[in-house]
Amino acid sequence: MYWREQCEKLTAEPVPLTEKQEAALNMLKLYIKRIGRAPSLRAFAAGLGTTVSNAHRYLVALEERGHISRLPGRERAITILETGK
């Protein structure tokens, strides 16, 4: 995601979330609020109506933008951060 980093440096503003990324973040917030833990990747994908691969891309994008944090190698280790970058 080199070009995004360069774009953020030039504009000094974070790249906004797309509509689908915003929906993914809202789904995560709602799931964690109702169930008390993060969804599995498959459950997350099913909730979004997309593939596991695309769901993973949403998680990476949300993490890059500072909306969530994840622990590498751990399932369901997603934390919603208060504010984005």
C-alpha atoms as a PDB file:
ATOM      1  CA  MET A   1       0.000   0.000   0.000  1.00  0.00           C
ATOM      2  CA  TYR A   2       2.881   2.297  -0.799  1.00  0.00           C
ATOM      3  CA  TRP A   3       0.806   4.755  -2.811  1.00  0.00           C
ATOM      4  CA  ARG A   4      -1.637   5.289   0.069  1.00  0.00           C
ATOM      5  CA  GLU A   5       1.211   6.128   2.433  1.00  0.00           C
ATOM      6  CA  GLN A   6       2.590   8.607  -0.074  1.00  0.00           C
ATOM      7  CA  CYS A   7      -0.839  10.135  -0.634  1.00  0.00           C
ATOM      8  CA  GLU A   8      -1.355  10.575   3.109  1.00  0.00           C
ATOM      9  CA  LYS A   9       2.037  12.268   3.429  1.00  0.00           C
ATOM     10  CA  LEU A  10       1.176  14.719   0.660  1.00  0.00           C
ATOM     11  CA  THR A  11      -2.302  15.599   1.855  1.00  0.00           C
ATOM     12  CA  ALA A  12      -1.637  15.275   5.608  1.00  0.00           C
ATOM     13  CA  GLU A  13      -5.110  13.748   5.852  1.00  0.00           C
ATOM     14  CA  PRO A  14      -5.980  10.058   6.145  1.00  0.00           C
ATOM     15  CA  VAL A  15      -7.482   8.282   3.167  1.00  0.00           C
ATOM     16  CA  PRO A  16     -11.228   7.995   3.900  1.00  0.00           C
ATOM     17  CA  LEU A  17     -12.922   4.632   4.191  1.00  0.00           C
ATOM     18  CA  THR A  18     -14.878   3.379   1.237  1.00  0.00           C
ATOM     19  CA  GLU A  19     -18.560   2.607   1.660  1.00  0.00           C
ATOM     20  CA  LYS A  20     -17.840  -1.126   1.937  1.00  0.00           C
ATOM     21  CA  GLN A  21     -15.004  -0.595   4.424  1.00  0.00           C
ATOM     22  CA  GLU A  22     -17.334   1.553   6.530  1.00  0.00           C
ATOM     23  CA  ALA A  23     -19.944  -1.238   6.408  1.00  0.00           C
ATOM     24  CA  ALA A  24     -17.276  -3.759   7.455  1.00  0.00           C
ATOM     25  CA  LEU A  25     -16.235  -1.599  10.407  1.00  0.00           C
ATOM     26  CA  ASN A  26     -19.860  -1.136  11.487  1.00  0.00           C
ATOM     27  CA  MET A  27     -20.466  -4.886  11.220  1.00  0.00           C
ATOM     28  CA  LEU A  28     -17.431  -5.561  13.428  1.00  0.00           C
ATOM     29  CA  LYS A  29     -18.584  -3.029  16.022  1.00  0.00           C
ATOM     30  CA  LEU A  30     -22.101  -4.491  16.120  1.00  0.00           C
ATOM     31  CA  TYR A  31     -20.871  -8.102  16.308  1.00  0.00           C
ATOM     32  CA  ILE A  32     -18.453  -7.351  19.135  1.00  0.00           C
ATOM     33  CA  LYS A  33     -21.121  -5.372  21.007  1.00  0.00           C
ATOM     34  CA  ARG A  34     -23.717  -8.160  20.725  1.00  0.00           C
ATOM     35  CA  ILE A  35     -21.546 -11.284  21.031  1.00  0.00           C
ATOM     36  CA  GLY A  36     -18.683  -9.940  23.144  1.00  0.00           C
ATOM     37  CA  ARG A  37     -15.858 -11.075  20.873  1.00  0.00           C
ATOM     38  CA  ALA A  38     -14.717 -10.581  17.310  1.00  0.00           C
ATOM     39  CA  PRO A  39     -16.181 -12.798  14.572  1.00  0.00           C
ATOM     40  CA  SER A  40     -14.211 -15.507  12.822  1.00  0.00           C
ATOM     41  CA  LEU A  41     -13.024 -14.574   9.357  1.00  0.00           C
ATOM     42  CA  ARG A  42     -15.663 -16.848   7.803  1.00  0.00           C
ATOM     43  CA  ALA A  43     -18.447 -15.360   9.938  1.00  0.00           C
ATOM     44  CA  PHE A  44     -17.212 -11.866   9.074  1.00  0.00           C
ATOM     45  CA  ALA A  45     -17.249 -12.718   5.356  1.00  0.00           C
ATOM     46  CA  ALA A  46     -20.721 -14.247   5.626  1.00  0.00           C
ATOM     47  CA  GLY A  47     -22.015 -11.180   7.453  1.00  0.00           C
ATOM     48  CA  LEU A  48     -20.718  -8.959   4.673  1.00  0.00           C
ATOM     49  CA  GLY A  49     -21.946 -11.283   1.933  1.00  0.00           C
ATOM     50  CA  THR A  50     -18.485 -11.590   0.407  1.00  0.00           C
ATOM     51  CA  THR A  51     -15.610 -14.050   0.111  1.00  0.00           C
ATOM     52  CA  VAL A  52     -13.116 -14.781   2.875  1.00  0.00           C
ATOM     53  CA  SER A  53     -10.415 -13.208   0.699  1.00  0.00           C
ATOM     54  CA  ASN A  54     -12.318  -9.940   0.363  1.00  0.00           C
ATOM     55  CA  ALA A  55     -13.173  -9.935   4.073  1.00  0.00           C
ATOM     56  CA  HIS A  56      -9.459 -10.260   4.833  1.00  0.00           C
ATOM     57  CA  ARG A  57      -8.739  -7.297   2.558  1.00  0.00           C
ATOM     58  CA  TYR A  58     -11.260  -5.208   4.489  1.00  0.00           C
ATOM     59  CA  LEU A  59      -9.545  -6.106   7.755  1.00  0.00           C
ATOM     60  CA  VAL A  60      -6.142  -5.159   6.354  1.00  0.00           C
ATOM     61  CA  ALA A  61      -7.496  -1.834   5.076  1.00  0.00           C
ATOM     62  CA  LEU A  62      -9.161  -1.042   8.414  1.00  0.00           C
ATOM     63  CA  GLU A  63      -5.952  -1.878  10.249  1.00  0.00           C
ATOM     64  CA  GLU A  64      -3.831   0.249   7.900  1.00  0.00           C
ATOM     65  CA  ARG A  65      -6.127   3.217   8.479  1.00  0.00           C
ATOM     66  CA  GLY A  66      -5.982   2.818  12.246  1.00  0.00           C
ATOM     67  CA  HIS A  67      -9.587   1.785  12.897  1.00  0.00           C
ATOM     68  CA  ILE A  68      -8.771  -1.683  14.255  1.00  0.00           C
ATOM     69  CA  SER A  69      -5.782  -3.556  15.616  1.00  0.00           C
ATOM     70  CA  ARG A  70      -5.102  -7.258  15.163  1.00  0.00           C
ATOM     71  CA  LEU A  71      -2.671  -9.661  16.798  1.00  0.00           C
ATOM     72  CA  PRO A  72      -0.720 -11.645  14.187  1.00  0.00           C
ATOM     73  CA  GLY A  73      -1.358 -15.374  14.194  1.00  0.00           C
ATOM     74  CA  ARG A  74      -4.340 -15.149  16.552  1.00  0.00           C
ATOM     75  CA  GLU A  75      -7.917 -15.845  15.544  1.00  0.00           C
ATOM     76  CA  ARG A  76     -10.580 -13.336  16.575  1.00  0.00           C
ATOM     77  CA  ALA A  77      -7.918 -11.001  17.980  1.00  0.00           C
ATOM     78  CA  ILE A  78      -9.477  -7.813  16.648  1.00  0.00           C
ATOM     79  CA  THR A  79      -9.818  -4.660  18.725  1.00  0.00           C
ATOM     80  CA  ILE A  80     -11.798  -1.631  17.607  1.00  0.00           C
ATOM     81  CA  LEU A  81      -9.790   1.549  18.147  1.00  0.00           C
ATOM     82  CA  GLU A  82     -11.504   4.756  19.212  1.00  0.00           C
ATOM     83  CA  THR A  83     -10.359   6.854  16.261  1.00  0.00           C
ATOM     84  CA  GLY A  84      -8.713   6.271  12.916  1.00  0.00           C
ATOM     85  CA  LYS A  85      -5.367   7.680  11.889  1.00  0.00           C
END
